[in-house]
C-alpha cells in the first residue's frame, strides 16, 4: 500500500453565478446554468506519495460536468507543473485520477472521461487576498474573496460536508480565461471558492 497526503490551498472557478450551489447541496443541486465547467488549481505546501515528496508542487484541473455534480459523467484533465520529476508525475496522476483512493477517490466514480495529463509551467501566487494563477498558455486568472461586513475577514461557509474541506471561502473571479482541449471559456466575474486542503489516502500498488 502507498500512503499519500497533500496539504495546502485550492482555488476553483466555474461558470456558476456567485455562489456555487454544489457546496451546500453536495452536488445534488443543479449548477446555476444547468451544467458546470471550470478549472481548479492546487498549491501543495506539504505532501507525499509513498516516499516521493510533493512539497511545493502545483497542480491544475479542468472539469466539464454536464449536469448535477453528484450524477457524474465528468470530463477532466490534469496539469502538473513542469518542475515535477517523472516519479512526482506518476504519484500526482494516481492521486488526482482517484486511483490512490482516500479524499480524491470519488473521481473514479464521477469522471467518465479522463482527457490526459499535461506538464507545463504553473504559477500560483498570493497577492494580498488575490490569488493569481497561470498555467502556461492554458489559463490566466485572478480570484478574490467576496467582501464581508468586516473587510478584514473573509466571507466563509463553515462546517460543510464538502469533500474538499469543511470551510470554504466565497470568492469571485476577476479575470479568468481558459483555453484547451477545444474549450474556450471566459469565467471572469463568475463563482469561485478558496479552500485549505488536508487530503490523504492509501492506494494499493
N, C-alpha and C. Protein backbone atom coordinates (compact mmCIF):
# COMPACT_ATOMS: atom_id res chain seq x y z
N UNK A 1 0.84 -1.19 0.00
CA UNK A 1 0.00 0.00 0.00
C UNK A 1 0.88 1.25 0.00
N UNK A 2 0.45 2.29 -0.71
CA UNK A 2 1.20 3.54 -0.77
C UNK A 2 0.35 4.66 -0.18
N UNK A 3 0.79 5.19 0.96
CA UNK A 3 0.05 6.28 1.60
C UNK A 3 0.40 7.61 0.92
N UNK A 4 -0.59 8.51 0.90
CA UNK A 4 -0.32 9.82 0.31
C UNK A 4 -1.00 10.91 1.13
N UNK A 5 -0.50 12.12 0.97
CA UNK A 5 -1.08 13.27 1.67
C UNK A 5 -0.75 14.53 0.90
N UNK A 6 -1.70 15.45 0.85
CA UNK A 6 -1.46 16.78 0.28
C UNK A 6 -2.09 17.82 1.19
N UNK A 7 -1.30 18.78 1.58
CA UNK A 7 -1.78 19.87 2.44
C UNK A 7 -1.41 21.19 1.80
N UNK A 8 -2.39 22.10 1.67
CA UNK A 8 -2.12 23.37 1.03
C UNK A 8 -3.40 24.14 0.78
N UNK A 9 -3.53 24.71 -0.42
CA UNK A 9 -4.71 25.53 -0.75
C UNK A 9 -5.20 25.22 -2.15
N UNK A 10 -6.50 25.29 -2.31
CA UNK A 10 -7.14 25.07 -3.61
C UNK A 10 -7.97 26.29 -3.97
N UNK A 11 -7.92 26.68 -5.24
CA UNK A 11 -8.81 27.70 -5.77
C UNK A 11 -9.56 27.07 -6.94
N UNK A 12 -10.86 27.30 -6.98
CA UNK A 12 -11.71 26.74 -8.03
C UNK A 12 -12.60 27.84 -8.59
N UNK A 13 -12.77 27.84 -9.90
CA UNK A 13 -13.59 28.84 -10.59
C UNK A 13 -14.44 28.13 -11.64
N UNK A 14 -15.75 28.34 -11.58
CA UNK A 14 -16.64 27.69 -12.54
C UNK A 14 -17.61 28.70 -13.13
N UNK A 15 -18.51 28.24 -14.00
CA UNK A 15 -19.43 29.14 -14.69
C UNK A 15 -20.68 29.45 -13.89
N UNK A 16 -20.80 28.93 -12.66
CA UNK A 16 -21.96 29.25 -11.82
C UNK A 16 -21.95 30.72 -11.43
N UNK A 17 -23.15 31.23 -11.14
CA UNK A 17 -23.24 32.55 -10.54
C UNK A 17 -22.76 32.42 -9.10
N UNK A 18 -22.30 33.53 -8.53
CA UNK A 18 -21.82 33.50 -7.14
C UNK A 18 -23.02 33.31 -6.21
N UNK A 19 -23.09 32.32 -5.37
CA UNK A 19 -22.09 31.33 -5.03
C UNK A 19 -22.53 29.96 -5.56
N UNK A 20 -21.60 29.10 -5.91
CA UNK A 20 -21.90 27.78 -6.46
C UNK A 20 -22.79 26.96 -5.52
N UNK A 21 -23.95 26.48 -5.99
CA UNK A 21 -24.87 25.71 -5.13
C UNK A 21 -24.38 24.32 -4.78
N UNK A 22 -23.33 23.83 -5.44
CA UNK A 22 -22.86 22.47 -5.20
C UNK A 22 -22.25 22.30 -3.82
N UNK A 23 -21.72 23.38 -3.24
CA UNK A 23 -21.06 23.28 -1.94
C UNK A 23 -22.07 22.90 -0.86
N UNK A 24 -23.19 23.63 -0.80
CA UNK A 24 -24.18 23.37 0.24
C UNK A 24 -24.98 22.11 -0.03
N UNK A 25 -25.23 21.80 -1.31
CA UNK A 25 -26.07 20.65 -1.66
C UNK A 25 -25.27 19.38 -1.88
N UNK A 26 -23.94 19.48 -1.78
CA UNK A 26 -23.04 18.34 -2.04
C UNK A 26 -23.25 17.77 -3.44
N UNK A 27 -23.46 18.67 -4.39
CA UNK A 27 -23.57 18.27 -5.79
C UNK A 27 -24.93 17.78 -6.21
N UNK A 28 -25.93 17.83 -5.32
CA UNK A 28 -27.26 17.34 -5.67
C UNK A 28 -28.13 18.42 -6.31
N UNK A 29 -27.75 19.69 -6.11
CA UNK A 29 -28.46 20.81 -6.71
C UNK A 29 -27.87 21.09 -8.09
N UNK A 30 -28.71 21.47 -9.05
CA UNK A 30 -28.20 21.79 -10.37
C UNK A 30 -27.32 23.03 -10.31
N UNK A 31 -26.25 23.07 -11.10
CA UNK A 31 -25.49 24.31 -11.25
C UNK A 31 -26.41 25.41 -11.74
N UNK A 32 -26.05 26.65 -11.51
CA UNK A 32 -26.97 27.75 -11.83
C UNK A 32 -27.29 27.86 -13.31
N UNK A 33 -26.44 27.29 -14.16
CA UNK A 33 -26.71 27.31 -15.60
C UNK A 33 -27.12 25.93 -16.13
N UNK A 34 -27.36 24.99 -15.21
CA UNK A 34 -27.79 23.66 -15.62
C UNK A 34 -26.66 22.70 -15.90
N UNK A 35 -25.48 23.23 -16.15
CA UNK A 35 -24.28 22.44 -16.39
C UNK A 35 -23.11 23.20 -15.78
N UNK A 36 -21.99 22.55 -15.64
CA UNK A 36 -20.86 23.18 -14.96
C UNK A 36 -19.57 22.94 -15.72
N UNK A 37 -18.78 23.97 -15.86
CA UNK A 37 -17.43 23.79 -16.37
C UNK A 37 -16.51 24.80 -15.68
N UNK A 38 -15.26 24.41 -15.52
CA UNK A 38 -14.33 25.30 -14.85
C UNK A 38 -12.97 24.68 -14.64
N UNK A 39 -12.20 25.29 -13.79
CA UNK A 39 -10.84 24.87 -13.54
C UNK A 39 -10.56 24.98 -12.04
N UNK A 40 -9.55 24.25 -11.62
CA UNK A 40 -9.07 24.35 -10.25
C UNK A 40 -7.55 24.36 -10.26
N UNK A 41 -6.96 24.97 -9.26
CA UNK A 41 -5.51 24.94 -9.07
C UNK A 41 -5.23 24.62 -7.62
N UNK A 42 -4.22 23.78 -7.41
CA UNK A 42 -3.86 23.35 -6.06
C UNK A 42 -2.40 23.66 -5.81
N UNK A 43 -2.16 24.34 -4.69
CA UNK A 43 -0.79 24.59 -4.24
C UNK A 43 -0.51 23.62 -3.10
N UNK A 44 0.41 22.71 -3.32
CA UNK A 44 0.74 21.72 -2.31
C UNK A 44 1.92 22.24 -1.49
N UNK A 45 1.64 22.64 -0.25
CA UNK A 45 2.72 23.13 0.62
C UNK A 45 3.50 21.97 1.22
N UNK A 46 2.77 20.94 1.62
CA UNK A 46 3.40 19.73 2.15
C UNK A 46 2.67 18.53 1.54
N UNK A 47 3.43 17.54 1.12
CA UNK A 47 2.76 16.37 0.57
C UNK A 47 3.74 15.27 0.21
N UNK A 48 3.18 14.09 0.05
CA UNK A 48 3.99 12.96 -0.39
C UNK A 48 3.09 11.89 -0.98
N UNK A 49 3.68 11.08 -1.84
CA UNK A 49 3.03 9.88 -2.34
C UNK A 49 4.01 8.75 -2.07
N UNK A 50 3.73 7.96 -1.04
CA UNK A 50 4.71 6.99 -0.58
C UNK A 50 5.96 7.74 -0.13
N UNK A 51 7.10 7.38 -0.66
CA UNK A 51 8.37 8.03 -0.30
C UNK A 51 8.66 9.26 -1.17
N UNK A 52 7.80 9.54 -2.14
CA UNK A 52 8.03 10.66 -3.06
C UNK A 52 7.49 11.95 -2.47
N UNK A 53 8.34 12.92 -2.22
CA UNK A 53 7.91 14.19 -1.66
C UNK A 53 7.25 15.04 -2.74
N UNK A 54 6.15 15.71 -2.35
CA UNK A 54 5.41 16.57 -3.27
C UNK A 54 5.39 18.02 -2.80
N UNK A 55 6.20 18.35 -1.80
CA UNK A 55 6.24 19.72 -1.27
C UNK A 55 6.52 20.72 -2.40
N UNK A 56 5.73 21.79 -2.44
CA UNK A 56 5.95 22.85 -3.41
C UNK A 56 5.36 22.60 -4.78
N UNK A 57 4.74 21.45 -4.99
CA UNK A 57 4.15 21.16 -6.29
C UNK A 57 2.89 21.99 -6.52
N UNK A 58 2.62 22.28 -7.77
CA UNK A 58 1.41 22.99 -8.18
C UNK A 58 0.72 22.16 -9.26
N UNK A 59 -0.58 22.05 -9.11
CA UNK A 59 -1.36 21.16 -9.96
C UNK A 59 -2.62 21.90 -10.42
N UNK A 60 -3.08 21.61 -11.63
CA UNK A 60 -4.32 22.19 -12.13
C UNK A 60 -5.26 21.11 -12.63
N UNK A 61 -6.55 21.44 -12.66
CA UNK A 61 -7.57 20.53 -13.16
C UNK A 61 -8.50 21.28 -14.10
N UNK A 62 -8.94 20.63 -15.14
CA UNK A 62 -10.05 21.10 -15.96
C UNK A 62 -11.22 20.17 -15.71
N UNK A 63 -12.40 20.75 -15.46
CA UNK A 63 -13.59 19.96 -15.19
C UNK A 63 -14.73 20.40 -16.09
N UNK A 64 -15.38 19.44 -16.73
CA UNK A 64 -16.51 19.71 -17.62
C UNK A 64 -17.62 18.74 -17.23
N UNK A 65 -18.70 19.29 -16.64
CA UNK A 65 -19.72 18.46 -15.99
C UNK A 65 -21.09 18.78 -16.62
N UNK A 66 -21.78 17.77 -17.16
CA UNK A 66 -22.99 18.02 -17.94
C UNK A 66 -24.25 18.35 -17.14
N UNK A 67 -24.23 18.18 -15.83
CA UNK A 67 -25.44 18.43 -15.03
C UNK A 67 -25.08 18.51 -13.56
N UNK A 68 -25.86 17.85 -12.72
CA UNK A 68 -25.56 17.83 -11.29
C UNK A 68 -24.23 17.13 -11.05
N UNK A 69 -23.42 17.69 -10.20
CA UNK A 69 -22.09 17.11 -9.95
C UNK A 69 -22.19 15.68 -9.44
N UNK A 70 -23.17 15.42 -8.59
CA UNK A 70 -23.29 14.10 -7.97
C UNK A 70 -23.68 13.01 -8.97
N UNK A 71 -24.19 13.40 -10.14
CA UNK A 71 -24.61 12.41 -11.12
C UNK A 71 -23.46 11.94 -12.02
N UNK A 72 -22.30 12.56 -11.86
CA UNK A 72 -21.11 12.10 -12.58
C UNK A 72 -21.10 12.45 -14.05
N UNK A 73 -20.44 11.58 -14.84
CA UNK A 73 -20.23 11.77 -16.27
C UNK A 73 -19.35 12.98 -16.55
N UNK A 74 -18.40 13.26 -15.62
CA UNK A 74 -17.48 14.37 -15.80
C UNK A 74 -16.45 14.06 -16.87
N UNK A 75 -15.96 15.10 -17.50
CA UNK A 75 -14.73 15.04 -18.29
C UNK A 75 -13.69 15.86 -17.53
N UNK A 76 -12.47 15.33 -17.45
CA UNK A 76 -11.46 16.01 -16.66
C UNK A 76 -10.09 15.88 -17.31
N UNK A 77 -9.22 16.84 -16.99
CA UNK A 77 -7.82 16.79 -17.41
C UNK A 77 -6.97 17.29 -16.26
N UNK A 78 -5.73 16.84 -16.24
CA UNK A 78 -4.79 17.19 -15.17
C UNK A 78 -3.61 17.95 -15.73
N UNK A 79 -3.19 18.98 -15.00
CA UNK A 79 -2.00 19.75 -15.36
C UNK A 79 -1.03 19.69 -14.18
N UNK A 80 0.23 19.43 -14.46
CA UNK A 80 1.26 19.32 -13.43
C UNK A 80 2.40 20.27 -13.77
N UNK A 81 2.92 20.96 -12.76
CA UNK A 81 4.00 21.91 -13.01
C UNK A 81 5.21 21.23 -13.65
N UNK A 82 5.85 21.94 -14.54
CA UNK A 82 6.94 21.37 -15.33
C UNK A 82 8.15 20.96 -14.49
N UNK A 83 8.22 21.43 -13.24
CA UNK A 83 9.34 21.07 -12.38
C UNK A 83 9.20 19.66 -11.80
N UNK A 84 8.05 19.03 -11.99
CA UNK A 84 7.82 17.69 -11.43
C UNK A 84 8.69 16.64 -12.10
N UNK A 85 9.27 15.77 -11.29
CA UNK A 85 10.01 14.63 -11.83
C UNK A 85 9.01 13.59 -12.34
N UNK A 86 9.50 12.59 -13.03
CA UNK A 86 8.62 11.54 -13.53
C UNK A 86 7.93 10.80 -12.38
N UNK A 87 8.67 10.58 -11.27
CA UNK A 87 8.07 9.93 -10.10
C UNK A 87 6.97 10.79 -9.50
N UNK A 88 7.18 12.10 -9.43
CA UNK A 88 6.16 13.01 -8.92
C UNK A 88 4.93 12.98 -9.81
N UNK A 89 5.17 13.01 -11.13
CA UNK A 89 4.07 12.95 -12.09
C UNK A 89 3.22 11.71 -11.87
N UNK A 90 3.88 10.59 -11.70
CA UNK A 90 3.16 9.33 -11.50
C UNK A 90 2.32 9.37 -10.23
N UNK A 91 2.91 9.88 -9.15
CA UNK A 91 2.18 9.98 -7.90
C UNK A 91 0.99 10.93 -7.99
N UNK A 92 1.20 12.09 -8.62
CA UNK A 92 0.12 13.07 -8.75
C UNK A 92 -1.00 12.55 -9.66
N UNK A 93 -0.65 11.81 -10.70
CA UNK A 93 -1.67 11.20 -11.55
C UNK A 93 -2.50 10.19 -10.77
N UNK A 94 -1.85 9.41 -9.93
CA UNK A 94 -2.57 8.45 -9.10
C UNK A 94 -3.54 9.16 -8.16
N UNK A 95 -3.07 10.24 -7.53
CA UNK A 95 -3.90 10.97 -6.58
C UNK A 95 -5.09 11.64 -7.28
N UNK A 96 -4.80 12.39 -8.36
CA UNK A 96 -5.84 13.22 -8.96
C UNK A 96 -6.70 12.50 -9.99
N UNK A 97 -6.37 11.25 -10.29
CA UNK A 97 -7.29 10.42 -11.07
C UNK A 97 -8.22 9.64 -10.14
N UNK A 98 -7.91 9.67 -8.84
CA UNK A 98 -8.71 8.94 -7.87
C UNK A 98 -8.22 7.54 -7.60
N UNK A 99 -7.23 7.08 -8.37
CA UNK A 99 -6.76 5.70 -8.21
C UNK A 99 -6.04 5.47 -6.89
N UNK A 100 -5.60 6.55 -6.25
CA UNK A 100 -4.90 6.42 -4.98
C UNK A 100 -5.86 6.36 -3.80
N UNK A 101 -7.16 6.40 -4.07
CA UNK A 101 -8.15 6.29 -3.00
C UNK A 101 -8.17 7.52 -2.10
N UNK A 102 -8.80 7.38 -0.95
CA UNK A 102 -8.87 8.48 0.00
C UNK A 102 -9.73 9.63 -0.47
N UNK A 103 -9.30 10.86 -0.16
CA UNK A 103 -10.11 12.05 -0.42
C UNK A 103 -10.52 12.19 -1.88
N UNK A 104 -9.61 11.93 -2.80
CA UNK A 104 -9.91 12.12 -4.22
C UNK A 104 -10.43 10.85 -4.89
N UNK A 105 -10.65 9.80 -4.11
CA UNK A 105 -11.11 8.54 -4.68
C UNK A 105 -12.43 8.64 -5.41
N UNK A 106 -13.24 9.65 -5.06
CA UNK A 106 -14.54 9.81 -5.71
C UNK A 106 -14.41 10.11 -7.20
N UNK A 107 -13.24 10.59 -7.63
CA UNK A 107 -13.05 10.86 -9.05
C UNK A 107 -13.23 9.60 -9.90
N UNK A 108 -12.92 8.43 -9.35
CA UNK A 108 -13.09 7.19 -10.11
C UNK A 108 -14.56 6.92 -10.38
N UNK A 109 -15.44 7.46 -9.55
CA UNK A 109 -16.88 7.27 -9.72
C UNK A 109 -17.50 8.37 -10.59
N UNK A 110 -16.95 9.57 -10.52
CA UNK A 110 -17.59 10.72 -11.16
C UNK A 110 -17.04 11.05 -12.55
N UNK A 111 -15.75 10.75 -12.78
CA UNK A 111 -15.13 11.09 -14.06
C UNK A 111 -15.28 9.93 -15.04
N UNK A 112 -16.01 10.18 -16.13
CA UNK A 112 -16.21 9.12 -17.13
C UNK A 112 -15.18 9.19 -18.24
N UNK A 113 -14.56 10.36 -18.42
CA UNK A 113 -13.55 10.51 -19.48
C UNK A 113 -12.40 11.38 -18.98
N UNK A 114 -11.24 10.77 -18.86
CA UNK A 114 -10.04 11.49 -18.47
C UNK A 114 -9.28 11.86 -19.74
N UNK A 115 -9.15 13.15 -20.00
CA UNK A 115 -8.61 13.64 -21.27
C UNK A 115 -7.09 13.61 -21.33
N UNK A 116 -6.44 13.43 -20.17
CA UNK A 116 -4.99 13.31 -20.19
C UNK A 116 -4.31 14.25 -19.20
N UNK A 117 -2.99 14.12 -19.14
CA UNK A 117 -2.16 14.94 -18.25
C UNK A 117 -1.17 15.74 -19.10
N UNK A 118 -1.00 17.00 -18.74
CA UNK A 118 -0.02 17.85 -19.40
C UNK A 118 0.93 18.44 -18.37
N UNK A 119 2.21 18.48 -18.74
CA UNK A 119 3.22 19.13 -17.90
C UNK A 119 3.49 20.50 -18.50
N UNK A 120 3.34 21.53 -17.69
CA UNK A 120 3.53 22.90 -18.16
C UNK A 120 3.84 23.80 -16.97
N UNK A 121 4.35 25.00 -17.19
CA UNK A 121 4.63 25.89 -16.05
C UNK A 121 3.34 26.34 -15.37
N UNK A 122 3.27 26.17 -14.06
CA UNK A 122 2.11 26.60 -13.28
C UNK A 122 2.57 27.57 -12.20
N UNK A 123 1.95 28.73 -12.17
CA UNK A 123 2.24 29.74 -11.15
C UNK A 123 1.00 29.95 -10.29
N UNK A 124 1.18 29.91 -8.98
CA UNK A 124 0.09 30.11 -8.03
C UNK A 124 0.60 31.09 -6.98
N UNK A 125 0.16 32.34 -7.05
CA UNK A 125 0.70 33.37 -6.17
C UNK A 125 -0.40 34.06 -5.37
N UNK A 126 -0.09 34.35 -4.10
CA UNK A 126 -0.96 35.13 -3.25
C UNK A 126 -0.46 36.57 -3.26
N UNK A 127 -1.32 37.48 -3.69
CA UNK A 127 -1.01 38.91 -3.71
C UNK A 127 -2.02 39.58 -2.80
N UNK A 128 -1.71 39.66 -1.49
CA UNK A 128 -2.71 40.07 -0.53
C UNK A 128 -3.79 39.00 -0.49
N UNK A 129 -5.03 39.39 -0.69
CA UNK A 129 -6.14 38.44 -0.73
C UNK A 129 -6.36 37.85 -2.12
N UNK A 130 -5.71 38.41 -3.12
CA UNK A 130 -5.92 37.97 -4.50
C UNK A 130 -5.03 36.75 -4.80
N UNK A 131 -5.63 35.74 -5.42
CA UNK A 131 -4.86 34.59 -5.91
C UNK A 131 -4.70 34.75 -7.42
N UNK A 132 -3.46 34.71 -7.87
CA UNK A 132 -3.16 34.82 -9.29
C UNK A 132 -2.62 33.49 -9.77
N UNK A 133 -3.29 32.92 -10.76
CA UNK A 133 -2.93 31.60 -11.27
C UNK A 133 -2.68 31.68 -12.76
N UNK A 134 -1.58 31.07 -13.20
CA UNK A 134 -1.32 30.95 -14.63
C UNK A 134 -0.81 29.55 -14.91
N UNK A 135 -1.36 28.92 -15.94
CA UNK A 135 -0.92 27.60 -16.37
C UNK A 135 -0.54 27.69 -17.84
N UNK A 136 0.76 27.94 -18.07
CA UNK A 136 1.23 28.07 -19.44
C UNK A 136 0.37 29.02 -20.24
N UNK A 137 -0.03 28.58 -21.45
CA UNK A 137 -0.93 29.35 -22.30
C UNK A 137 -2.38 28.91 -22.13
N UNK A 138 -2.61 28.00 -21.18
CA UNK A 138 -3.94 27.41 -21.00
C UNK A 138 -4.85 28.31 -20.16
N UNK A 139 -4.30 28.90 -19.10
CA UNK A 139 -5.13 29.65 -18.15
C UNK A 139 -4.38 30.85 -17.60
N UNK A 140 -5.10 31.96 -17.47
CA UNK A 140 -4.62 33.11 -16.72
C UNK A 140 -5.80 33.65 -15.94
N UNK A 141 -5.66 33.72 -14.60
CA UNK A 141 -6.82 34.06 -13.78
C UNK A 141 -6.44 34.79 -12.51
N UNK A 142 -7.39 35.58 -12.02
CA UNK A 142 -7.28 36.24 -10.72
C UNK A 142 -8.57 35.95 -9.95
N UNK A 143 -8.44 35.54 -8.71
CA UNK A 143 -9.60 35.21 -7.87
C UNK A 143 -9.46 35.92 -6.54
N UNK A 144 -10.56 36.53 -6.06
CA UNK A 144 -10.54 37.25 -4.78
C UNK A 144 -11.74 36.85 -3.94
N UNK A 145 -11.58 36.82 -2.61
CA UNK A 145 -12.73 36.56 -1.74
C UNK A 145 -13.78 37.66 -1.88
N UNK A 146 -15.04 37.28 -1.75
CA UNK A 146 -16.13 38.25 -1.71
C UNK A 146 -16.07 38.96 -0.36
N UNK A 147 -16.15 40.28 -0.37
CA UNK A 147 -16.00 41.04 0.87
C UNK A 147 -17.21 40.88 1.78
N UNK A 148 -16.94 40.64 3.06
CA UNK A 148 -18.00 40.54 4.06
C UNK A 148 -18.22 41.87 4.76
N UNK A 149 -19.05 41.85 5.81
CA UNK A 149 -19.35 43.08 6.56
C UNK A 149 -18.09 43.66 7.19
N UNK A 150 -17.21 42.78 7.67
CA UNK A 150 -15.92 43.19 8.17
C UNK A 150 -14.90 42.94 7.06
N UNK A 151 -14.39 43.97 6.44
CA UNK A 151 -13.49 43.80 5.29
C UNK A 151 -12.19 43.07 5.64
N UNK A 152 -11.89 42.97 6.93
CA UNK A 152 -10.67 42.28 7.34
C UNK A 152 -10.87 40.76 7.41
N UNK A 153 -12.13 40.33 7.35
CA UNK A 153 -12.42 38.90 7.47
C UNK A 153 -13.07 38.40 6.18
N UNK A 154 -12.67 37.22 5.75
CA UNK A 154 -13.27 36.62 4.55
C UNK A 154 -14.69 36.14 4.85
N UNK A 155 -15.51 36.09 3.81
CA UNK A 155 -16.85 35.52 3.90
C UNK A 155 -16.70 34.02 3.70
N UNK A 156 -16.97 33.24 4.75
CA UNK A 156 -16.68 31.81 4.73
C UNK A 156 -17.92 30.99 5.07
N UNK A 157 -18.17 29.96 4.26
CA UNK A 157 -19.18 28.97 4.60
C UNK A 157 -18.48 27.90 5.44
N UNK A 158 -18.91 27.75 6.68
CA UNK A 158 -18.20 26.86 7.59
C UNK A 158 -19.00 25.60 7.91
N UNK A 159 -18.29 24.60 8.40
CA UNK A 159 -18.88 23.35 8.87
C UNK A 159 -19.66 22.64 7.78
N UNK A 160 -19.17 22.69 6.56
CA UNK A 160 -19.84 21.99 5.47
C UNK A 160 -19.38 20.52 5.44
N UNK A 161 -20.09 19.72 4.65
CA UNK A 161 -19.66 18.35 4.40
C UNK A 161 -18.99 18.23 3.03
N UNK A 162 -18.61 19.36 2.48
CA UNK A 162 -17.99 19.41 1.16
C UNK A 162 -16.71 18.59 1.17
N UNK A 163 -16.51 17.80 0.14
CA UNK A 163 -15.37 16.87 0.14
C UNK A 163 -14.02 17.57 0.16
N UNK A 164 -13.96 18.79 -0.38
CA UNK A 164 -12.68 19.49 -0.46
C UNK A 164 -12.22 19.98 0.90
N UNK A 165 -13.17 20.37 1.76
CA UNK A 165 -12.83 20.88 3.07
C UNK A 165 -14.05 21.48 3.73
N UNK A 166 -14.07 21.49 5.05
CA UNK A 166 -15.26 21.92 5.78
C UNK A 166 -15.52 23.41 5.68
N UNK A 167 -14.47 24.22 5.51
CA UNK A 167 -14.61 25.67 5.47
C UNK A 167 -14.22 26.18 4.08
N UNK A 168 -15.19 26.83 3.43
CA UNK A 168 -15.00 27.26 2.04
C UNK A 168 -15.19 28.77 1.95
N UNK A 169 -14.17 29.47 1.49
CA UNK A 169 -14.25 30.91 1.33
C UNK A 169 -14.96 31.26 0.03
N UNK A 170 -16.00 32.08 0.14
CA UNK A 170 -16.77 32.51 -1.02
C UNK A 170 -15.94 33.53 -1.80
N UNK A 171 -15.75 33.27 -3.08
CA UNK A 171 -14.88 34.13 -3.88
C UNK A 171 -15.49 34.36 -5.26
N UNK A 172 -14.81 35.19 -6.02
CA UNK A 172 -15.27 35.54 -7.37
C UNK A 172 -14.05 35.78 -8.25
N UNK A 173 -14.13 35.33 -9.49
CA UNK A 173 -13.03 35.57 -10.42
C UNK A 173 -13.07 36.99 -10.92
N UNK A 174 -11.90 37.59 -11.02
CA UNK A 174 -11.80 38.88 -11.70
C UNK A 174 -11.67 38.59 -13.18
N UNK A 175 -10.45 38.34 -13.60
CA UNK A 175 -10.21 37.88 -14.97
C UNK A 175 -9.90 36.39 -14.91
N UNK A 176 -10.51 35.63 -15.80
CA UNK A 176 -10.26 34.19 -15.82
C UNK A 176 -10.57 33.65 -17.20
N UNK A 177 -9.53 33.29 -17.93
CA UNK A 177 -9.73 32.78 -19.29
C UNK A 177 -8.98 31.46 -19.46
N UNK A 178 -9.71 30.45 -19.91
CA UNK A 178 -9.17 29.10 -20.09
C UNK A 178 -9.32 28.70 -21.55
N UNK A 179 -8.28 28.05 -22.08
CA UNK A 179 -8.34 27.59 -23.46
C UNK A 179 -7.51 26.32 -23.61
N UNK A 180 -8.21 25.18 -23.82
CA UNK A 180 -7.53 23.91 -24.05
C UNK A 180 -8.57 22.84 -24.37
N UNK A 181 -8.12 21.75 -24.97
CA UNK A 181 -8.97 20.62 -25.30
C UNK A 181 -10.24 21.05 -26.05
N UNK A 182 -10.08 22.04 -26.94
CA UNK A 182 -11.21 22.51 -27.74
C UNK A 182 -12.19 23.38 -26.99
N UNK A 183 -11.85 23.74 -25.76
CA UNK A 183 -12.74 24.57 -24.94
C UNK A 183 -12.15 25.95 -24.79
N UNK A 184 -12.99 26.96 -24.98
CA UNK A 184 -12.59 28.35 -24.80
C UNK A 184 -13.58 28.97 -23.83
N UNK A 185 -13.13 29.18 -22.58
CA UNK A 185 -14.03 29.65 -21.52
C UNK A 185 -13.55 30.99 -20.98
N UNK A 186 -14.48 31.93 -20.86
CA UNK A 186 -14.22 33.18 -20.15
C UNK A 186 -15.08 33.14 -18.89
N UNK A 187 -14.43 32.92 -17.76
CA UNK A 187 -15.14 32.78 -16.49
C UNK A 187 -14.97 34.01 -15.61
N UNK A 188 -14.60 35.12 -16.22
CA UNK A 188 -14.45 36.37 -15.49
C UNK A 188 -15.78 36.75 -14.84
N UNK A 189 -15.73 37.12 -13.56
CA UNK A 189 -16.92 37.54 -12.84
C UNK A 189 -17.76 36.40 -12.29
N UNK A 190 -17.38 35.16 -12.56
CA UNK A 190 -18.18 34.02 -12.13
C UNK A 190 -17.73 33.48 -10.77
N UNK A 191 -18.45 32.47 -10.31
CA UNK A 191 -18.25 31.93 -8.97
C UNK A 191 -16.85 31.34 -8.79
N UNK A 192 -16.33 31.49 -7.60
CA UNK A 192 -15.05 30.88 -7.25
C UNK A 192 -15.07 30.54 -5.77
N UNK A 193 -14.15 29.72 -5.36
CA UNK A 193 -14.04 29.36 -3.96
C UNK A 193 -12.59 29.06 -3.62
N UNK A 194 -12.26 29.28 -2.36
CA UNK A 194 -10.93 29.01 -1.84
C UNK A 194 -11.08 28.05 -0.68
N UNK A 195 -10.17 27.11 -0.59
CA UNK A 195 -10.28 26.09 0.45
C UNK A 195 -8.90 25.62 0.88
N UNK A 196 -8.69 25.58 2.19
CA UNK A 196 -7.47 24.98 2.72
C UNK A 196 -7.67 23.47 2.70
N UNK A 197 -6.76 22.76 2.08
CA UNK A 197 -6.94 21.32 1.92
C UNK A 197 -5.98 20.54 2.81
N UNK A 198 -6.46 19.38 3.24
CA UNK A 198 -5.65 18.45 4.01
C UNK A 198 -6.16 17.06 3.62
N UNK A 199 -5.74 16.61 2.44
CA UNK A 199 -6.26 15.39 1.87
C UNK A 199 -5.29 14.23 2.08
N UNK A 200 -5.82 13.03 2.12
CA UNK A 200 -4.95 11.87 2.33
C UNK A 200 -5.63 10.62 1.83
N UNK A 201 -4.86 9.55 1.73
CA UNK A 201 -5.41 8.28 1.30
C UNK A 201 -4.35 7.21 1.25
N UNK A 202 -4.75 6.08 0.76
CA UNK A 202 -3.82 4.95 0.63
C UNK A 202 -4.24 4.15 -0.59
N UNK A 203 -3.29 3.89 -1.46
CA UNK A 203 -3.60 3.15 -2.68
C UNK A 203 -2.90 1.81 -2.66
N UNK A 204 -3.53 0.83 -3.30
CA UNK A 204 -2.91 -0.49 -3.46
C UNK A 204 -1.99 -0.46 -4.65
N UNK A 205 -0.80 -0.98 -4.53
CA UNK A 205 0.16 -0.99 -5.64
C UNK A 205 0.28 -2.40 -6.21
